[in-house]
Amino acid sequence: MGLLDKLSGWLGLRKKEVNVLCLGLDNSGKTTIINQLKPANVSPLSEDWKHVSQVQAQEIVPTIGFNIEKFKSSSLSFTVFDMSGQSRYRNLWEHYYKESHAIIFVIDSGDKLRMVVAKEELDTLLNHDDIRIKKIPVLFFANKMDLRDAMSSVKVSQMLSLENIKDKPWHICASNAIKGEGLQEGLDWLQGNMPV
């Protein structure tokens, strides 16, 4: 069973549509995380199987613009917006804020040089009118923890000043998206804080 199937079971929601934005700078691991979240049980006769096998057979390439991934489980329909983190596409993010129910913000914990840019983008996100007024949960993945020079999730939290987020629930998890490490912890937290 995929992680999103587990999340839908925990939420106990009946055919509720949940829109999740997956944001962060380019090369932080957003697409890899989303690929890990996809349901694992896919029939080889379905169109989804073709998509999954194509993704597994190729290297992950940078997202241009955005990708929309839809997942259905027995009780929940997820729409995950995998938004490009390239600077020229970040202005697209705000067009999806109004309809979002949760945000996953992915940080490359090994990229110390761009931590300031990640903080600026996060501040812009949190201060946008469509996000500021909502109490939606924000899940942070301090990704790429397998890198030798990766900062701890505590250090990433400090550099992003996450302690200043007072008006919405947030949580940070250390993760290694390639191996799927830390993703379950994040989803456990998210399911307990998802608006119903």
C-alpha atoms as a PDB file:
ATOM      1  CA  MET A   1       0.000   0.000   0.000  1.00  0.00           C
ATOM      2  CA  GLY A   2       1.346   3.452  -0.920  1.00  0.00           C
ATOM      3  CA  LEU A   3       1.912   6.158   1.660  1.00  0.00           C
ATOM      4  CA  LEU A   4      -1.019   8.199   0.325  1.00  0.00           C
ATOM      5  CA  ASP A   5      -3.311   5.194   0.750  1.00  0.00           C
ATOM      6  CA  LYS A   6      -2.206   4.950   4.368  1.00  0.00           C
ATOM      7  CA  LEU A   7      -2.764   8.671   4.873  1.00  0.00           C
ATOM      8  CA  SER A   8      -6.290   8.459   3.470  1.00  0.00           C
ATOM      9  CA  GLY A   9      -7.086   5.550   5.782  1.00  0.00           C
ATOM     10  CA  TRP A  10      -5.882   7.477   8.818  1.00  0.00           C
ATOM     11  CA  LEU A  11      -7.848  10.558   7.829  1.00  0.00           C
ATOM     12  CA  GLY A  12     -11.011   8.498   7.595  1.00  0.00           C
ATOM     13  CA  LEU A  13     -12.392  10.882   5.016  1.00  0.00           C
ATOM     14  CA  ARG A  14     -15.050   9.827   2.557  1.00  0.00           C
ATOM     15  CA  LYS A  15     -14.249  10.784  -1.024  1.00  0.00           C
ATOM     16  CA  LYS A  16     -12.894  14.118   0.093  1.00  0.00           C
ATOM     17  CA  GLU A  17     -10.620  15.899  -2.328  1.00  0.00           C
ATOM     18  CA  VAL A  18      -7.405  17.144  -0.776  1.00  0.00           C
ATOM     19  CA  ASN A  19      -5.159  19.555  -2.659  1.00  0.00           C
ATOM     20  CA  VAL A  20      -1.542  19.459  -1.531  1.00  0.00           C
ATOM     21  CA  LEU A  21       1.084  21.848  -2.873  1.00  0.00           C
ATOM     22  CA  CYS A  22       4.610  20.481  -3.004  1.00  0.00           C
ATOM     23  CA  LEU A  23       6.953  23.477  -3.077  1.00  0.00           C
ATOM     24  CA  GLY A  24      10.644  24.220  -2.684  1.00  0.00           C
ATOM     25  CA  LEU A  25      13.637  25.312  -4.708  1.00  0.00           C
ATOM     26  CA  ASP A  26      14.718  23.384  -7.786  1.00  0.00           C
ATOM     27  CA  ASN A  27      16.700  20.204  -7.119  1.00  0.00           C
ATOM     28  CA  SER A  28      15.386  19.847  -3.564  1.00  0.00           C
ATOM     29  CA  GLY A  29      13.727  16.466  -4.236  1.00  0.00           C
ATOM     30  CA  LYS A  30      10.044  17.367  -4.627  1.00  0.00           C
ATOM     31  CA  THR A  31       9.357  15.053  -7.570  1.00  0.00           C
ATOM     32  CA  THR A  32      11.241  12.184  -5.944  1.00  0.00           C
ATOM     33  CA  ILE A  33       9.125  12.595  -2.794  1.00  0.00           C
ATOM     34  CA  ILE A  34       5.908  12.623  -4.823  1.00  0.00           C
ATOM     35  CA  ASN A  35       7.014   9.491  -6.666  1.00  0.00           C
ATOM     36  CA  GLN A  36       7.557   7.795  -3.282  1.00  0.00           C
ATOM     37  CA  LEU A  37       4.049   8.832  -2.203  1.00  0.00           C
ATOM     38  CA  LYS A  38       2.314   7.265  -5.183  1.00  0.00           C
ATOM     39  CA  PRO A  39       0.288   4.147  -4.431  1.00  0.00           C
ATOM     40  CA  ALA A  40       2.434   1.055  -4.845  1.00  0.00           C
ATOM     41  CA  ASN A  41      -0.324  -1.336  -5.916  1.00  0.00           C
ATOM     42  CA  VAL A  42      -0.945  -0.498  -9.567  1.00  0.00           C
ATOM     43  CA  SER A  43      -2.309  -2.979 -12.041  1.00  0.00           C
ATOM     44  CA  PRO A  44      -0.044  -3.623 -15.063  1.00  0.00           C
ATOM     45  CA  LEU A  45      -3.100  -3.179 -17.276  1.00  0.00           C
ATOM     46  CA  SER A  46      -3.867   0.348 -16.111  1.00  0.00           C
ATOM     47  CA  GLU A  47      -2.636   3.615 -17.576  1.00  0.00           C
ATOM     48  CA  ASP A  48      -1.125   4.382 -14.155  1.00  0.00           C
ATOM     49  CA  TRP A  49       1.149   1.354 -14.480  1.00  0.00           C
ATOM     50  CA  LYS A  50       2.542   2.690 -17.750  1.00  0.00           C
ATOM     51  CA  HIS A  51       3.254   6.006 -16.049  1.00  0.00           C
ATOM     52  CA  VAL A  52       4.881   4.391 -13.012  1.00  0.00           C
ATOM     53  CA  SER A  53       7.065   2.130 -15.127  1.00  0.00           C
ATOM     54  CA  GLN A  54       8.145   5.070 -17.282  1.00  0.00           C
ATOM     55  CA  VAL A  55       9.090   7.103 -14.211  1.00  0.00           C
ATOM     56  CA  GLN A  56      11.053   4.212 -12.720  1.00  0.00           C
ATOM     57  CA  ALA A  57      12.875   3.607 -16.006  1.00  0.00           C
ATOM     58  CA  GLN A  58      14.168   7.146 -16.370  1.00  0.00           C
ATOM     59  CA  GLU A  59      16.133   9.643 -14.369  1.00  0.00           C
ATOM     60  CA  ILE A  60      14.164  12.356 -12.633  1.00  0.00           C
ATOM     61  CA  VAL A  61      14.468  15.526 -14.681  1.00  0.00           C
ATOM     62  CA  PRO A  62      13.742  19.042 -13.404  1.00  0.00           C
ATOM     63  CA  THR A  63      10.064  19.921 -13.394  1.00  0.00           C
ATOM     64  CA  ILE A  64       9.249  22.629 -15.909  1.00  0.00           C
ATOM     65  CA  GLY A  65       6.276  24.710 -14.778  1.00  0.00           C
ATOM     66  CA  PHE A  66       4.388  22.122 -12.748  1.00  0.00           C
ATOM     67  CA  ASN A  67       3.047  18.590 -12.789  1.00  0.00           C
ATOM     68  CA  ILE A  68      -0.269  17.501 -11.367  1.00  0.00           C
ATOM     69  CA  GLU A  69      -0.459  14.031  -9.862  1.00  0.00           C
ATOM     70  CA  LYS A  70      -3.839  12.598  -8.894  1.00  0.00           C
ATOM     71  CA  PHE A  71      -4.141   9.641  -6.571  1.00  0.00           C
ATOM     72  CA  LYS A  72      -7.294   7.883  -5.491  1.00  0.00           C
ATOM     73  CA  SER A  73      -7.641   5.645  -2.534  1.00  0.00           C
ATOM     74  CA  SER A  74     -10.743   4.028  -1.124  1.00  0.00           C
ATOM     75  CA  SER A  75     -11.712   7.149   0.803  1.00  0.00           C
ATOM     76  CA  LEU A  76      -9.685  10.091  -0.468  1.00  0.00           C
ATOM     77  CA  SER A  77      -8.740  11.752  -3.701  1.00  0.00           C
ATOM     78  CA  PHE A  78      -5.401  13.569  -3.639  1.00  0.00           C
ATOM     79  CA  THR A  79      -4.334  16.194  -6.100  1.00  0.00           C
ATOM     80  CA  VAL A  80      -0.655  16.965  -5.598  1.00  0.00           C
ATOM     81  CA  PHE A  81       0.744  19.971  -7.411  1.00  0.00           C
ATOM     82  CA  ASP A  82       4.462  19.398  -7.978  1.00  0.00           C
ATOM     83  CA  MET A  83       5.545  22.983  -8.612  1.00  0.00           C
ATOM     84  CA  SER A  84       8.821  23.813 -10.314  1.00  0.00           C
ATOM     85  CA  GLY A  85      11.342  25.408  -7.996  1.00  0.00           C
ATOM     86  CA  GLN A  86      13.248  27.122 -10.775  1.00  0.00           C
ATOM     87  CA  SER A  87      13.247  30.880 -10.199  1.00  0.00           C
ATOM     88  CA  ARG A  88      11.440  31.690 -13.431  1.00  0.00           C
ATOM     89  CA  TYR A  89       8.512  29.420 -12.457  1.00  0.00           C
ATOM     90  CA  ARG A  90       8.087  30.268  -8.772  1.00  0.00           C
ATOM     91  CA  ASN A  91       5.554  32.982  -9.635  1.00  0.00           C
ATOM     92  CA  LEU A  92       3.182  30.138 -10.642  1.00  0.00           C
ATOM     93  CA  TRP A  93       2.953  28.947  -7.035  1.00  0.00           C
ATOM     94  CA  GLU A  94       0.550  31.658  -5.909  1.00  0.00           C
ATOM     95  CA  HIS A  95      -2.097  30.643  -8.467  1.00  0.00           C
ATOM     96  CA  TYR A  96      -2.677  27.434  -6.448  1.00  0.00           C
ATOM     97  CA  TYR A  97      -2.675  28.820  -2.893  1.00  0.00           C
ATOM     98  CA  LYS A  98      -6.395  29.510  -2.635  1.00  0.00           C
ATOM     99  CA  GLU A  99      -7.466  25.902  -3.244  1.00  0.00           C
ATOM    100  CA  SER A 100      -4.730  24.240  -1.165  1.00  0.00           C
ATOM    101  CA  HIS A 101      -5.453  22.190   1.979  1.00  0.00           C
ATOM    102  CA  ALA A 102      -1.825  21.509   2.928  1.00  0.00           C
ATOM    103  CA  ILE A 103       1.681  22.439   1.870  1.00  0.00           C
ATOM    104  CA  ILE A 104       4.758  20.257   1.681  1.00  0.00           C
ATOM    105  CA  PHE A 105       7.883  22.430   1.501  1.00  0.00           C
ATOM    106  CA  VAL A 106      11.039  20.550   0.529  1.00  0.00           C
ATOM    107  CA  ILE A 107      14.517  21.831   1.379  1.00  0.00           C
ATOM    108  CA  ASP A 108      17.842  20.494   0.117  1.00  0.00           C
ATOM    109  CA  SER A 109      19.600  20.266   3.483  1.00  0.00           C
ATOM    110  CA  GLY A 110      22.973  20.006   1.740  1.00  0.00           C
ATOM    111  CA  ASP A 111      22.580  23.293  -0.156  1.00  0.00           C
ATOM    112  CA  LYS A 112      23.766  25.850   2.401  1.00  0.00           C
ATOM    113  CA  LEU A 113      24.343  28.525  -0.249  1.00  0.00           C
ATOM    114  CA  ARG A 114      20.688  28.656  -1.307  1.00  0.00           C
ATOM    115  CA  MET A 115      19.165  28.433   2.184  1.00  0.00           C
ATOM    116  CA  VAL A 116      18.670  32.229   2.120  1.00  0.00           C
ATOM    117  CA  VAL A 117      16.718  31.924  -1.153  1.00  0.00           C
ATOM    118  CA  ALA A 118      14.597  29.115   0.328  1.00  0.00           C
ATOM    119  CA  LYS A 119      13.827  31.328   3.354  1.00  0.00           C
ATOM    120  CA  GLU A 120      12.840  34.242   1.098  1.00  0.00           C
ATOM    121  CA  GLU A 121      10.497  32.029  -0.915  1.00  0.00           C
ATOM    122  CA  LEU A 122       9.011  30.567   2.268  1.00  0.00           C
ATOM    123  CA  ASP A 123       8.443  34.046   3.729  1.00  0.00           C
ATOM    124  CA  THR A 124       6.775  35.178   0.492  1.00  0.00           C
ATOM    125  CA  LEU A 125       4.548  32.077   0.593  1.00  0.00           C
ATOM    126  CA  LEU A 126       3.534  32.498   4.235  1.00  0.00           C
ATOM    127  CA  ASN A 127       2.802  36.211   3.810  1.00  0.00           C
ATOM    128  CA  HIS A 128       0.631  35.780   0.696  1.00  0.00           C
ATOM    129  CA  ASP A 129      -3.003  36.773   1.361  1.00  0.00           C
ATOM    130  CA  ASP A 130      -4.370  33.357   0.307  1.00  0.00           C
ATOM    131  CA  ILE A 131      -2.043  31.493   2.721  1.00  0.00           C
ATOM    132  CA  ARG A 132      -1.761  33.965   5.605  1.00  0.00           C
ATOM    133  CA  ILE A 133      -5.488  33.722   6.396  1.00  0.00           C
ATOM    134  CA  LYS A 134      -5.526  29.898   6.415  1.00  0.00           C
ATOM    135  CA  LYS A 135      -4.630  27.532   9.248  1.00  0.00           C
ATOM    136  CA  ILE A 136      -3.408  24.872   6.811  1.00  0.00           C
ATOM    137  CA  PRO A 137      -0.609  22.539   7.888  1.00  0.00           C
ATOM    138  CA  VAL A 138       2.864  23.049   6.480  1.00  0.00           C
ATOM    139  CA  LEU A 139       5.121  20.004   6.401  1.00  0.00           C
ATOM    140  CA  PHE A 140       8.827  20.600   5.829  1.00  0.00           C
ATOM    141  CA  PHE A 141      11.147  17.896   4.569  1.00  0.00           C
ATOM    142  CA  ALA A 142      14.828  18.616   5.266  1.00  0.00           C
ATOM    143  CA  ASN A 143      15.736  16.376   2.372  1.00  0.00           C
ATOM    144  CA  LYS A 144      18.956  14.738   1.186  1.00  0.00           C
ATOM    145  CA  MET A 145      20.069  13.770   4.689  1.00  0.00           C
ATOM    146  CA  ASP A 146      22.256  11.107   3.080  1.00  0.00           C
ATOM    147  CA  LEU A 147      24.679  13.796   1.872  1.00  0.00           C
ATOM    148  CA  ARG A 148      27.883  14.086   3.873  1.00  0.00           C
ATOM    149  CA  ASP A 149      27.538  17.861   4.395  1.00  0.00           C
ATOM    150  CA  ALA A 150      23.775  17.883   5.041  1.00  0.00           C
ATOM    151  CA  MET A 151      22.546  20.131   7.832  1.00  0.00           C
ATOM    152  CA  SER A 152      20.368  18.611  10.550  1.00  0.00           C
ATOM    153  CA  SER A 153      16.645  19.313  10.517  1.00  0.00           C
ATOM    154  CA  VAL A 154      17.187  21.461  13.633  1.00  0.00           C
ATOM    155  CA  LYS A 155      19.763  23.594  11.781  1.00  0.00           C
ATOM    156  CA  VAL A 156      17.491  23.880   8.719  1.00  0.00           C
ATOM    157  CA  SER A 157      14.641  24.936  11.011  1.00  0.00           C
ATOM    158  CA  GLN A 158      16.842  27.621  12.568  1.00  0.00           C
ATOM    159  CA  MET A 159      18.045  28.921   9.190  1.00  0.00           C
ATOM    160  CA  LEU A 160      14.451  29.178   7.940  1.00  0.00           C
ATOM    161  CA  SER A 161      13.259  30.748  11.247  1.00  0.00           C
ATOM    162  CA  LEU A 162      10.427  28.225  11.468  1.00  0.00           C
ATOM    163  CA  GLU A 163       9.900  29.071  15.142  1.00  0.00           C
ATOM    164  CA  ASN A 164       8.338  32.345  13.915  1.00  0.00           C
ATOM    165  CA  ILE A 165       5.408  30.485  12.321  1.00  0.00           C
ATOM    166  CA  LYS A 166       2.743  30.978  14.988  1.00  0.00           C
ATOM    167  CA  ASP A 167      -0.517  30.978  13.006  1.00  0.00           C
ATOM    168  CA  LYS A 168      -0.513  27.520  11.437  1.00  0.00           C
ATOM    169  CA  PRO A 169       0.651  24.034  12.374  1.00  0.00           C
ATOM    170  CA  TRP A 170       4.062  23.070  10.997  1.00  0.00           C
ATOM    171  CA  HIS A 171       6.515  20.233  11.366  1.00  0.00           C
ATOM    172  CA  ILE A 172       9.963  19.437   9.976  1.00  0.00           C
ATOM    173  CA  CYS A 173      11.278  15.951   9.181  1.00  0.00           C
ATOM    174  CA  ALA A 174      14.717  14.833   8.131  1.00  0.00           C
ATOM    175  CA  SER A 175      14.328  12.840   4.917  1.00  0.00           C
ATOM    176  CA  ASN A 176      16.088  10.926   2.198  1.00  0.00           C
ATOM    177  CA  ALA A 177      13.539  10.870  -0.610  1.00  0.00           C
ATOM    178  CA  ILE A 178      15.437   8.347  -2.733  1.00  0.00           C
ATOM    179  CA  LYS A 179      15.176   5.720   0.014  1.00  0.00           C
ATOM    180  CA  GLY A 180      11.842   7.008   1.346  1.00  0.00           C
ATOM    181  CA  GLU A 181      13.332   7.703   4.789  1.00  0.00           C
ATOM    182  CA  GLY A 182      11.455  10.240   6.902  1.00  0.00           C
ATOM    183  CA  LEU A 183       8.441  10.423   4.610  1.00  0.00           C
ATOM    184  CA  GLN A 184       6.258   8.236   6.828  1.00  0.00           C
ATOM    185  CA  GLU A 185       6.984  10.410   9.874  1.00  0.00           C
ATOM    186  CA  GLY A 186       5.969  13.478   7.893  1.00  0.00           C
ATOM    187  CA  LEU A 187       2.740  11.917   6.679  1.00  0.00           C
ATOM    188  CA  ASP A 188       1.928  10.724  10.198  1.00  0.00           C
ATOM    189  CA  TRP A 189       2.145  14.321  11.348  1.00  0.00           C
ATOM    190  CA  LEU A 190       0.260  15.670   8.334  1.00  0.00           C
ATOM    191  CA  GLN A 191      -2.670  13.287   8.813  1.00  0.00           C
ATOM    192  CA  GLY A 192      -3.099  14.524  12.368  1.00  0.00           C
ATOM    193  CA  ASN A 193      -3.174  18.156  11.250  1.00  0.00           C
ATOM    194  CA  MET A 194      -5.101  18.004   7.982  1.00  0.00           C
ATOM    195  CA  PRO A 195      -8.221  20.197   7.988  1.00  0.00           C
ATOM    196  CA  VAL A 196     -11.448  18.197   7.799  1.00  0.00           C
END
